[in-house]
PDB file of all heavy atoms in Angstrom:
ATOM      1  N   SER A   1       5.160  14.618   9.741  1.00  0.00           N
ATOM      2  CA  SER A   1       3.785  14.262   9.382  1.00  0.00           C
ATOM      3  C   SER A   1       3.355  13.074  10.263  1.00  0.00           C
ATOM      4  O   SER A   1       4.040  12.106  10.436  1.00  0.00           O
ATOM      5  CB  SER A   1       3.736  13.896   7.894  1.00  0.00           C
ATOM      6  OG  SER A   1       2.433  13.521   7.526  1.00  0.00           O
ATOM      7  N   THR A   2       2.090  13.221  10.763  1.00  0.00           N
ATOM      8  CA  THR A   2       1.389  12.072  11.350  1.00  0.00           C
ATOM      9  C   THR A   2       0.143  11.804  10.501  1.00  0.00           C
ATOM     10  O   THR A   2      -0.483  12.755  10.000  1.00  0.00           O
ATOM     11  CB  THR A   2       0.982  12.297  12.821  1.00  0.00           C
ATOM     12  OG1 THR A   2       0.135  13.455  12.926  1.00  0.00           O
ATOM     13  CG2 THR A   2       2.173  12.427  13.729  1.00  0.00           C
ATOM     14  N   PHE A   3      -0.174  10.534  10.347  1.00  0.00           N
ATOM     15  CA  PHE A   3      -1.309  10.166   9.469  1.00  0.00           C
ATOM     16  C   PHE A   3      -1.661   8.706   9.786  1.00  0.00           C
ATOM     17  O   PHE A   3      -0.826   7.920  10.233  1.00  0.00           O
ATOM     18  CB  PHE A   3      -0.963  10.334   8.007  1.00  0.00           C
ATOM     19  CG  PHE A   3       0.322   9.633   7.603  1.00  0.00           C
ATOM     20  CD1 PHE A   3       0.277   8.342   7.098  1.00  0.00           C
ATOM     21  CD2 PHE A   3       1.532  10.266   7.759  1.00  0.00           C
ATOM     22  CE1 PHE A   3       1.486   7.669   6.743  1.00  0.00           C
ATOM     23  CE2 PHE A   3       2.723   9.624   7.469  1.00  0.00           C
ATOM     24  CZ  PHE A   3       2.679   8.348   6.934  1.00  0.00           C
ATOM     25  N   ARG A   4      -2.875   8.345   9.452  1.00  0.00           N
ATOM     26  CA  ARG A   4      -3.303   6.939   9.626  1.00  0.00           C
ATOM     27  C   ARG A   4      -2.733   6.120   8.475  1.00  0.00           C
ATOM     28  O   ARG A   4      -2.770   6.547   7.351  1.00  0.00           O
ATOM     29  CB  ARG A   4      -4.811   6.862   9.622  1.00  0.00           C
ATOM     30  CG  ARG A   4      -5.332   5.436   9.849  1.00  0.00           C
ATOM     31  CD  ARG A   4      -6.831   5.380   9.917  1.00  0.00           C
ATOM     32  NE  ARG A   4      -7.198   3.970   9.844  1.00  0.00           N
ATOM     33  CZ  ARG A   4      -8.436   3.584   9.611  1.00  0.00           C
ATOM     34  NH1 ARG A   4      -9.414   4.440   9.510  1.00  0.00           N
ATOM     35  NH2 ARG A   4      -8.725   2.310   9.551  1.00  0.00           N
ATOM     36  N   HIS A   5      -2.250   4.952   8.894  1.00  0.00           N
ATOM     37  CA  HIS A   5      -1.658   4.053   7.844  1.00  0.00           C
ATOM     38  C   HIS A   5      -1.928   2.614   8.267  1.00  0.00           C
ATOM     39  O   HIS A   5      -1.750   2.241   9.401  1.00  0.00           O
ATOM     40  CB  HIS A   5      -0.149   4.324   7.709  1.00  0.00           C
ATOM     41  CG  HIS A   5       0.453   3.539   6.606  1.00  0.00           C
ATOM     42  ND1 HIS A   5       0.323   3.909   5.302  1.00  0.00           N
ATOM     43  CD2 HIS A   5       1.201   2.426   6.582  1.00  0.00           C
ATOM     44  CE1 HIS A   5       0.947   3.070   4.519  1.00  0.00           C
ATOM     45  NE2 HIS A   5       1.492   2.149   5.296  1.00  0.00           N
ATOM     46  N   PRO A   6      -2.334   1.738   7.390  1.00  0.00           N
ATOM     47  CA  PRO A   6      -2.583   2.082   5.992  1.00  0.00           C
ATOM     48  C   PRO A   6      -3.975   2.739   5.848  1.00  0.00           C
ATOM     49  O   PRO A   6      -4.928   2.388   6.476  1.00  0.00           O
ATOM     50  CB  PRO A   6      -2.638   0.712   5.291  1.00  0.00           C
ATOM     51  CG  PRO A   6      -3.011  -0.243   6.389  1.00  0.00           C
ATOM     52  CD  PRO A   6      -2.486   0.324   7.660  1.00  0.00           C
ATOM     53  N   PHE A   7      -4.036   3.748   5.007  1.00  0.00           N
ATOM     54  CA  PHE A   7      -5.234   4.532   4.752  1.00  0.00           C
ATOM     55  C   PHE A   7      -4.927   5.355   3.511  1.00  0.00           C
ATOM     56  O   PHE A   7      -3.763   5.665   3.232  1.00  0.00           O
ATOM     57  CB  PHE A   7      -5.605   5.378   5.977  1.00  0.00           C
ATOM     58  CG  PHE A   7      -7.037   5.857   5.978  1.00  0.00           C
ATOM     59  CD1 PHE A   7      -8.099   4.967   6.057  1.00  0.00           C
ATOM     60  CD2 PHE A   7      -7.294   7.224   5.968  1.00  0.00           C
ATOM     61  CE1 PHE A   7      -9.392   5.437   6.114  1.00  0.00           C
ATOM     62  CE2 PHE A   7      -8.583   7.685   6.010  1.00  0.00           C
ATOM     63  CZ  PHE A   7      -9.643   6.773   6.075  1.00  0.00           C
ATOM     64  N   TYR A   8      -5.945   5.826   2.801  1.00  0.00           N
ATOM     65  CA  TYR A   8      -5.720   6.649   1.632  1.00  0.00           C
ATOM     66  C   TYR A   8      -4.791   7.805   1.976  1.00  0.00           C
ATOM     67  O   TYR A   8      -5.014   8.483   2.954  1.00  0.00           O
ATOM     68  CB  TYR A   8      -7.059   7.157   1.123  1.00  0.00           C
ATOM     69  CG  TYR A   8      -6.903   7.953  -0.201  1.00  0.00           C
ATOM     70  CD1 TYR A   8      -6.851   7.323  -1.382  1.00  0.00           C
ATOM     71  CD2 TYR A   8      -6.761   9.306  -0.173  1.00  0.00           C
ATOM     72  CE1 TYR A   8      -6.680   7.984  -2.573  1.00  0.00           C
ATOM     73  CE2 TYR A   8      -6.577  10.036  -1.294  1.00  0.00           C
ATOM     74  CZ  TYR A   8      -6.533   9.356  -2.515  1.00  0.00           C
ATOM     75  OH  TYR A   8      -6.330  10.060  -3.658  1.00  0.00           O
ATOM     76  N   PRO A   9      -3.791   8.071   1.174  1.00  0.00           N
ATOM     77  CA  PRO A   9      -3.419   7.545  -0.154  1.00  0.00           C
ATOM     78  C   PRO A   9      -2.451   6.372  -0.165  1.00  0.00           C
ATOM     79  O   PRO A   9      -1.760   6.187  -1.123  1.00  0.00           O
ATOM     80  CB  PRO A   9      -2.788   8.809  -0.815  1.00  0.00           C
ATOM     81  CG  PRO A   9      -2.145   9.492   0.311  1.00  0.00           C
ATOM     82  CD  PRO A   9      -3.006   9.313   1.496  1.00  0.00           C
ATOM     83  N   TYR A  10      -2.433   5.624   0.969  1.00  0.00           N
ATOM     84  CA  TYR A  10      -1.686   4.352   1.045  1.00  0.00           C
ATOM     85  C   TYR A  10      -0.179   4.535   0.728  1.00  0.00           C
ATOM     86  O   TYR A  10       0.434   3.743   0.049  1.00  0.00           O
ATOM     87  CB  TYR A  10      -2.271   3.304   0.106  1.00  0.00           C
ATOM     88  CG  TYR A  10      -3.702   3.085   0.362  1.00  0.00           C
ATOM     89  CD1 TYR A  10      -4.674   3.610  -0.481  1.00  0.00           C
ATOM     90  CD2 TYR A  10      -4.150   2.410   1.530  1.00  0.00           C
ATOM     91  CE1 TYR A  10      -6.029   3.369  -0.217  1.00  0.00           C
ATOM     92  CE2 TYR A  10      -5.466   2.246   1.794  1.00  0.00           C
ATOM     93  CZ  TYR A  10      -6.434   2.715   0.943  1.00  0.00           C
ATOM     94  OH  TYR A  10      -7.724   2.597   1.167  1.00  0.00           O
ATOM     95  N   CYS A  11       0.406   5.613   1.298  1.00  0.00           N
ATOM     96  CA  CYS A  11       1.830   5.831   1.130  1.00  0.00           C
ATOM     97  C   CYS A  11       2.365   6.562   2.376  1.00  0.00           C
ATOM     98  O   CYS A  11       1.603   6.913   3.229  1.00  0.00           O
ATOM     99  CB  CYS A  11       2.093   6.628  -0.144  1.00  0.00           C
ATOM    100  SG  CYS A  11       1.382   8.275  -0.170  1.00  0.00           S
ATOM    101  N   GLY A  12       3.665   6.759   2.371  1.00  0.00           N
ATOM    102  CA  GLY A  12       4.282   7.569   3.388  1.00  0.00           C
ATOM    103  C   GLY A  12       4.805   6.790   4.569  1.00  0.00           C
ATOM    104  O   GLY A  12       5.414   7.462   5.499  1.00  0.00           O
ATOM    105  N   ALA A  13       4.647   5.539   4.673  1.00  0.00           N
ATOM    106  CA  ALA A  13       5.121   4.774   5.820  1.00  0.00           C
ATOM    107  C   ALA A  13       6.644   4.880   5.972  1.00  0.00           C
ATOM    108  O   ALA A  13       7.198   4.842   7.046  1.00  0.00           O
ATOM    109  CB  ALA A  13       4.741   3.341   5.805  1.00  0.00           C
ATOM    110  N   ASP A  14       7.397   5.029   4.869  1.00  0.00           N
ATOM    111  CA  ASP A  14       8.818   5.100   4.913  1.00  0.00           C
ATOM    112  C   ASP A  14       9.328   6.138   3.904  1.00  0.00           C
ATOM    113  O   ASP A  14       9.201   5.925   2.707  1.00  0.00           O
ATOM    114  CB  ASP A  14       9.458   3.769   4.640  1.00  0.00           C
ATOM    115  CG  ASP A  14      10.975   3.782   4.725  1.00  0.00           C
ATOM    116  OD1 ASP A  14      11.581   4.719   5.325  1.00  0.00           O
ATOM    117  OD2 ASP A  14      11.606   2.920   4.082  1.00  0.00           O
ATOM    118  N   SER A  15       9.856   7.223   4.365  1.00  0.00           N
ATOM    119  CA  SER A  15      10.337   8.255   3.465  1.00  0.00           C
ATOM    120  C   SER A  15      11.777   8.031   2.962  1.00  0.00           C
ATOM    121  O   SER A  15      12.183   8.519   1.987  1.00  0.00           O
ATOM    122  CB  SER A  15      10.225   9.653   4.092  1.00  0.00           C
ATOM    123  OG  SER A  15      11.212   9.802   5.051  1.00  0.00           O
ATOM    124  N   SER A  16      12.554   7.255   3.779  1.00  0.00           N
ATOM    125  CA  SER A  16      13.937   7.064   3.508  1.00  0.00           C
ATOM    126  C   SER A  16      14.662   8.383   3.297  1.00  0.00           C
ATOM    127  O   SER A  16      15.533   8.539   2.458  1.00  0.00           O
ATOM    128  CB  SER A  16      14.137   6.208   2.270  1.00  0.00           C
ATOM    129  OG  SER A  16      13.511   4.937   2.485  1.00  0.00           O
ATOM    130  N   ASN A  17      14.292   9.359   4.141  1.00  0.00           N
ATOM    131  CA  ASN A  17      14.828  10.688   3.948  1.00  0.00           C
ATOM    132  C   ASN A  17      14.900  11.361   5.369  1.00  0.00           C
ATOM    133  O   ASN A  17      13.889  11.388   6.083  1.00  0.00           O
ATOM    134  CB  ASN A  17      13.870  11.480   3.048  1.00  0.00           C
ATOM    135  CG  ASN A  17      14.420  12.795   2.597  1.00  0.00           C
ATOM    136  OD1 ASN A  17      15.017  13.517   3.400  1.00  0.00           O
ATOM    137  ND2 ASN A  17      14.200  13.145   1.378  1.00  0.00           N
ATOM    138  N   ASP A  18      16.052  11.877   5.687  1.00  0.00           N
ATOM    139  CA  ASP A  18      16.212  12.422   7.080  1.00  0.00           C
ATOM    140  C   ASP A  18      15.529  13.780   7.330  1.00  0.00           C
ATOM    141  O   ASP A  18      15.487  14.190   8.475  1.00  0.00           O
ATOM    142  CB  ASP A  18      17.701  12.442   7.521  1.00  0.00           C
ATOM    143  CG  ASP A  18      18.527  13.348   6.620  1.00  0.00           C
ATOM    144  OD1 ASP A  18      18.050  13.875   5.616  1.00  0.00           O
ATOM    145  OD2 ASP A  18      19.722  13.463   6.990  1.00  0.00           O
ATOM    146  N   HIS A  19      15.017  14.414   6.303  1.00  0.00           N
ATOM    147  CA  HIS A  19      14.307  15.644   6.536  1.00  0.00           C
ATOM    148  C   HIS A  19      12.744  15.480   6.283  1.00  0.00           C
ATOM    149  O   HIS A  19      12.024  16.465   6.311  1.00  0.00           O
ATOM    150  CB  HIS A  19      14.884  16.853   5.783  1.00  0.00           C
ATOM    151  CG  HIS A  19      14.682  16.744   4.266  1.00  0.00           C
ATOM    152  ND1 HIS A  19      13.657  17.359   3.584  1.00  0.00           N
ATOM    153  CD2 HIS A  19      15.436  16.111   3.324  1.00  0.00           C
ATOM    154  CE1 HIS A  19      13.774  17.122   2.301  1.00  0.00           C
ATOM    155  NE2 HIS A  19      14.827  16.328   2.117  1.00  0.00           N
ATOM    156  N   ILE A  20      12.361  14.252   6.089  1.00  0.00           N
ATOM    157  CA  ILE A  20      10.916  13.904   5.995  1.00  0.00           C
ATOM    158  C   ILE A  20      10.673  12.946   7.163  1.00  0.00           C
ATOM    159  O   ILE A  20      11.104  11.803   7.148  1.00  0.00           O
ATOM    160  CB  ILE A  20      10.591  13.201   4.639  1.00  0.00           C
ATOM    161  CG1 ILE A  20      11.027  14.049   3.445  1.00  0.00           C
ATOM    162  CG2 ILE A  20       9.121  12.892   4.608  1.00  0.00           C
ATOM    163  CD1 ILE A  20      10.284  15.328   3.227  1.00  0.00           C
ATOM    164  N   ILE A  21       9.967  13.422   8.181  1.00  0.00           N
ATOM    165  CA  ILE A  21       9.725  12.656   9.373  1.00  0.00           C
ATOM    166  C   ILE A  21       8.270  12.178   9.352  1.00  0.00           C
ATOM    167  O   ILE A  21       7.383  12.845   9.828  1.00  0.00           O
ATOM    168  CB  ILE A  21       9.987  13.521  10.643  1.00  0.00           C
ATOM    169  CG1 ILE A  21      11.336  14.288  10.568  1.00  0.00           C
ATOM    170  CG2 ILE A  21       9.884  12.657  11.925  1.00  0.00           C
ATOM    171  CD1 ILE A  21      12.517  13.433  10.347  1.00  0.00           C
ATOM    172  N   ASN A  22       8.045  11.039   8.709  1.00  0.00           N
ATOM    173  CA  ASN A  22       6.723  10.430   8.637  1.00  0.00           C
ATOM    174  C   ASN A  22       6.468   9.537   9.797  1.00  0.00           C
ATOM    175  O   ASN A  22       7.305   8.666  10.129  1.00  0.00           O
ATOM    176  CB  ASN A  22       6.588   9.652   7.328  1.00  0.00           C
ATOM    177  CG  ASN A  22       6.423  10.534   6.122  1.00  0.00           C
ATOM    178  OD1 ASN A  22       5.948  11.666   6.238  1.00  0.00           O
ATOM    179  ND2 ASN A  22       6.801  10.034   4.966  1.00  0.00           N
ATOM    180  N   VAL A  23       5.372   9.731  10.467  1.00  0.00           N
ATOM    181  CA  VAL A  23       5.009   8.876  11.619  1.00  0.00           C
ATOM    182  C   VAL A  23       3.614   8.306  11.340  1.00  0.00           C
ATOM    183  O   VAL A  23       2.583   8.899  11.667  1.00  0.00           O
ATOM    184  CB  VAL A  23       4.996   9.667  12.929  1.00  0.00           C
ATOM    185  CG1 VAL A  23       4.731   8.767  14.084  1.00  0.00           C
ATOM    186  CG2 VAL A  23       6.336  10.460  13.101  1.00  0.00           C
ATOM    187  N   PRO A  24       3.575   7.071  10.693  1.00  0.00           N
ATOM    188  CA  PRO A  24       2.282   6.505  10.450  1.00  0.00           C
ATOM    189  C   PRO A  24       1.660   6.017  11.789  1.00  0.00           C
ATOM    190  O   PRO A  24       2.332   5.510  12.663  1.00  0.00           O
ATOM    191  CB  PRO A  24       2.609   5.284   9.559  1.00  0.00           C
ATOM    192  CG  PRO A  24       4.085   5.090   9.621  1.00  0.00           C
ATOM    193  CD  PRO A  24       4.689   6.357  10.189  1.00  0.00           C
ATOM    194  N   LEU A  25       0.324   6.225  11.902  1.00  0.00           N
ATOM    195  CA  LEU A  25      -0.425   5.866  13.063  1.00  0.00           C
ATOM    196  C   LEU A  25      -1.409   4.738  12.693  1.00  0.00           C
ATOM    197  O   LEU A  25      -2.103   4.828  11.673  1.00  0.00           O
ATOM    198  CB  LEU A  25      -1.179   7.059  13.655  1.00  0.00           C
ATOM    199  CG  LEU A  25      -0.334   8.282  13.989  1.00  0.00           C
ATOM    200  CD1 LEU A  25      -1.236   9.432  14.360  1.00  0.00           C
ATOM    201  CD2 LEU A  25       0.657   7.952  15.080  1.00  0.00           C
ATOM    202  N   LYS A  26      -1.581   3.781  13.550  1.00  0.00           N
ATOM    203  CA  LYS A  26      -2.568   2.749  13.335  1.00  0.00           C
ATOM    204  C   LYS A  26      -3.966   3.253  13.646  1.00  0.00           C
ATOM    205  O   LYS A  26      -4.157   4.116  14.455  1.00  0.00           O
ATOM    206  CB  LYS A  26      -2.241   1.522  14.218  1.00  0.00           C
ATOM    207  CG  LYS A  26      -0.959   0.850  13.935  1.00  0.00           C
ATOM    208  CD  LYS A  26      -0.735  -0.301  14.919  1.00  0.00           C
ATOM    209  CE  LYS A  26       0.626  -0.863  14.563  1.00  0.00           C
ATOM    210  NZ  LYS A  26       1.000  -2.014  15.487  1.00  0.00           N
ATOM    211  N   GLY A  27      -4.969   2.659  12.960  1.00  0.00           N
ATOM    212  CA  GLY A  27      -6.361   2.920  13.259  1.00  0.00           C
ATOM    213  C   GLY A  27      -6.573   2.793  14.757  1.00  0.00           C
ATOM    214  O   GLY A  27      -6.051   1.876  15.342  1.00  0.00           O
ATOM    215  N   GLY A  28      -7.355   3.694  15.354  1.00  0.00           N
ATOM    216  CA  GLY A  28      -7.656   3.659  16.744  1.00  0.00           C
ATOM    217  C   GLY A  28      -6.589   4.337  17.648  1.00  0.00           C
ATOM    218  O   GLY A  28      -6.678   4.291  18.868  1.00  0.00           O
ATOM    219  N   THR A  29      -5.580   4.934  17.053  1.00  0.00           N
ATOM    220  CA  THR A  29      -4.498   5.568  17.818  1.00  0.00           C
ATOM    221  C   THR A  29      -5.133   6.606  18.740  1.00  0.00           C
ATOM    222  O   THR A  29      -6.008   7.399  18.417  1.00  0.00           O
ATOM    223  CB  THR A  29      -3.508   6.294  16.884  1.00  0.00           C
ATOM    224  OG1 THR A  29      -2.756   5.319  16.196  1.00  0.00           O
ATOM    225  CG2 THR A  29      -2.576   7.194  17.629  1.00  0.00           C
ATOM    226  N   SER A  30      -4.673   6.576  20.038  1.00  0.00           N
ATOM    227  CA  SER A  30      -5.204   7.424  21.117  1.00  0.00           C
ATOM    228  C   SER A  30      -4.431   8.700  21.204  1.00  0.00           C
ATOM    229  O   SER A  30      -3.374   8.896  20.579  1.00  0.00           O
ATOM    230  CB  SER A  30      -5.079   6.650  22.449  1.00  0.00           C
ATOM    231  OG  SER A  30      -3.688   6.541  22.753  1.00  0.00           O
ATOM    232  N   SER A  31      -4.962   9.617  22.050  1.00  0.00           N
ATOM    233  CA  SER A  31      -4.290  10.847  22.403  1.00  0.00           C
ATOM    234  C   SER A  31      -2.843  10.593  22.846  1.00  0.00           C
ATOM    235  O   SER A  31      -1.886  11.215  22.449  1.00  0.00           O
ATOM    236  CB  SER A  31      -5.009  11.616  23.425  1.00  0.00           C
ATOM    237  OG  SER A  31      -6.222  12.092  22.995  1.00  0.00           O
ATOM    238  N   ALA A  32      -2.703   9.676  23.786  1.00  0.00           N
ATOM    239  CA  ALA A  32      -1.431   9.367  24.420  1.00  0.00           C
ATOM    240  C   ALA A  32      -0.444   8.897  23.348  1.00  0.00           C
ATOM    241  O   ALA A  32       0.762   9.314  23.340  1.00  0.00           O
ATOM    242  CB  ALA A  32      -1.543   8.345  25.519  1.00  0.00           C
ATOM    243  N   ASP A  33      -0.922   8.019  22.468  1.00  0.00           N
ATOM    244  CA  ASP A  33      -0.013   7.505  21.424  1.00  0.00           C
ATOM    245  C   ASP A  33       0.363   8.589  20.436  1.00  0.00           C
ATOM    246  O   ASP A  33       1.528   8.676  19.933  1.00  0.00           O
ATOM    247  CB  ASP A  33      -0.655   6.341  20.690  1.00  0.00           C
ATOM    248  CG  ASP A  33      -0.766   5.119  21.533  1.00  0.00           C
ATOM    249  OD1 ASP A  33      -0.017   5.018  22.527  1.00  0.00           O
ATOM    250  OD2 ASP A  33      -1.658   4.315  21.303  1.00  0.00           O
ATOM    251  N   PHE A  34      -0.550   9.483  20.070  1.00  0.00           N
ATOM    252  CA  PHE A  34      -0.278  10.616  19.158  1.00  0.00           C
ATOM    253  C   PHE A  34       0.783  11.529  19.826  1.00  0.00           C
ATOM    254  O   PHE A  34       1.776  11.878  19.207  1.00  0.00           O
ATOM    255  CB  PHE A  34      -1.572  11.410  18.852  1.00  0.00           C
ATOM    256  CG  PHE A  34      -1.286  12.749  18.196  1.00  0.00           C
ATOM    257  CD1 PHE A  34      -0.912  12.830  16.889  1.00  0.00           C
ATOM    258  CD2 PHE A  34      -1.468  13.919  18.943  1.00  0.00           C
ATOM    259  CE1 PHE A  34      -0.695  14.033  16.308  1.00  0.00           C
ATOM    260  CE2 PHE A  34      -1.210  15.168  18.350  1.00  0.00           C
ATOM    261  CZ  PHE A  34      -0.866  15.235  17.001  1.00  0.00           C
ATOM    262  N   ARG A  35       0.511  11.872  21.079  1.00  0.00           N
ATOM    263  CA  ARG A  35       1.491  12.755  21.771  1.00  0.00           C
ATOM    264  C   ARG A  35       2.867  12.107  21.896  1.00  0.00           C
ATOM    265  O   ARG A  35       3.887  12.795  21.698  1.00  0.00           O
ATOM    266  CB  ARG A  35       0.953  13.149  23.156  1.00  0.00           C
ATOM    267  CG  ARG A  35      -0.266  14.042  22.991  1.00  0.00           C
ATOM    268  CD  ARG A  35      -0.801  14.403  24.389  1.00  0.00           C
ATOM    269  NE  ARG A  35      -2.064  15.212  24.239  1.00  0.00           N
ATOM    270  CZ  ARG A  35      -2.448  16.096  25.096  1.00  0.00           C
ATOM    271  NH1 ARG A  35      -1.684  16.448  26.128  1.00  0.00           N
ATOM    272  NH2 ARG A  35      -3.583  16.748  24.879  1.00  0.00           N
ATOM    273  N   GLU A  36       2.934  10.823  22.143  1.00  0.00           N
ATOM    274  CA  GLU A  36       4.199  10.123  22.200  1.00  0.00           C
ATOM    275  C   GLU A  36       4.929  10.158  20.879  1.00  0.00           C
ATOM    276  O   GLU A  36       6.120  10.322  20.774  1.00  0.00           O
ATOM    277  CB  GLU A  36       4.002   8.667  22.684  1.00  0.00           C
ATOM    278  CG  GLU A  36       5.276   7.904  22.817  1.00  0.00           C
ATOM    279  CD  GLU A  36       6.294   8.455  23.872  1.00  0.00           C
ATOM    280  OE1 GLU A  36       5.803   9.120  24.840  1.00  0.00           O
ATOM    281  OE2 GLU A  36       7.486   8.251  23.685  1.00  0.00           O
ATOM    282  N   ALA A  37       4.139  10.039  19.802  1.00  0.00           N
ATOM    283  CA  ALA A  37       4.770  10.073  18.422  1.00  0.00           C
ATOM    284  C   ALA A  37       5.365  11.434  18.171  1.00  0.00           C
ATOM    285  O   ALA A  37       6.492  11.554  17.655  1.00  0.00           O
ATOM    286  CB  ALA A  37       3.688   9.766  17.381  1.00  0.00           C
ATOM    287  N   VAL A  38       4.664  12.516  18.586  1.00  0.00           N
ATOM    288  CA  VAL A  38       5.192  13.883  18.408  1.00  0.00           C
ATOM    289  C   VAL A  38       6.446  14.017  19.238  1.00  0.00           C
ATOM    290  O   VAL A  38       7.467  14.570  18.770  1.00  0.00           O
ATOM    291  CB  VAL A  38       4.105  14.927  18.703  1.00  0.00           C
ATOM    292  CG1 VAL A  38       4.700  16.303  18.775  1.00  0.00           C
ATOM    293  CG2 VAL A  38       2.977  14.850  17.654  1.00  0.00           C
ATOM    294  N   ILE A  39       6.382  13.657  20.473  1.00  0.00           N
ATOM    295  CA  ILE A  39       7.511  13.855  21.444  1.00  0.00           C
ATOM    296  C   ILE A  39       8.728  13.003  20.956  1.00  0.00           C
ATOM    297  O   ILE A  39       9.884  13.517  20.969  1.00  0.00           O
ATOM    298  CB  ILE A  39       7.123  13.405  22.832  1.00  0.00           C
ATOM    299  CG1 ILE A  39       6.146  14.430  23.445  1.00  0.00           C
ATOM    300  CG2 ILE A  39       8.336  13.264  23.761  1.00  0.00           C
ATOM    301  CD1 ILE A  39       5.434  13.969  24.702  1.00  0.00           C
ATOM    302  N   THR A  40       8.499  11.814  20.471  1.00  0.00           N
ATOM    303  CA  THR A  40       9.587  10.909  20.137  1.00  0.00           C
ATOM    304  C   THR A  40      10.203  11.224  18.763  1.00  0.00           C
ATOM    305  O   THR A  40      11.418  11.154  18.608  1.00  0.00           O
ATOM    306  CB  THR A  40       9.107   9.455  20.137  1.00  0.00           C
ATOM    307  OG1 THR A  40       8.635   9.141  21.465  1.00  0.00           O
ATOM    308  CG2 THR A  40      10.216   8.472  19.768  1.00  0.00           C
TER     309      THR A  40
END
C-alpha cells in the first residue's frame, strides 16, 4: 500500500508485519518518489 501520511484515516505508517508493506508518502510526493517507493 502507498498512501499519504499523515492524512485520513491517520494510520498505517507502521504495520509491524512482514506481509503488510505500507509505504506512507508525504504530501507533495512526486512521480519519481512514488516510483522509487514501489521499486524499493
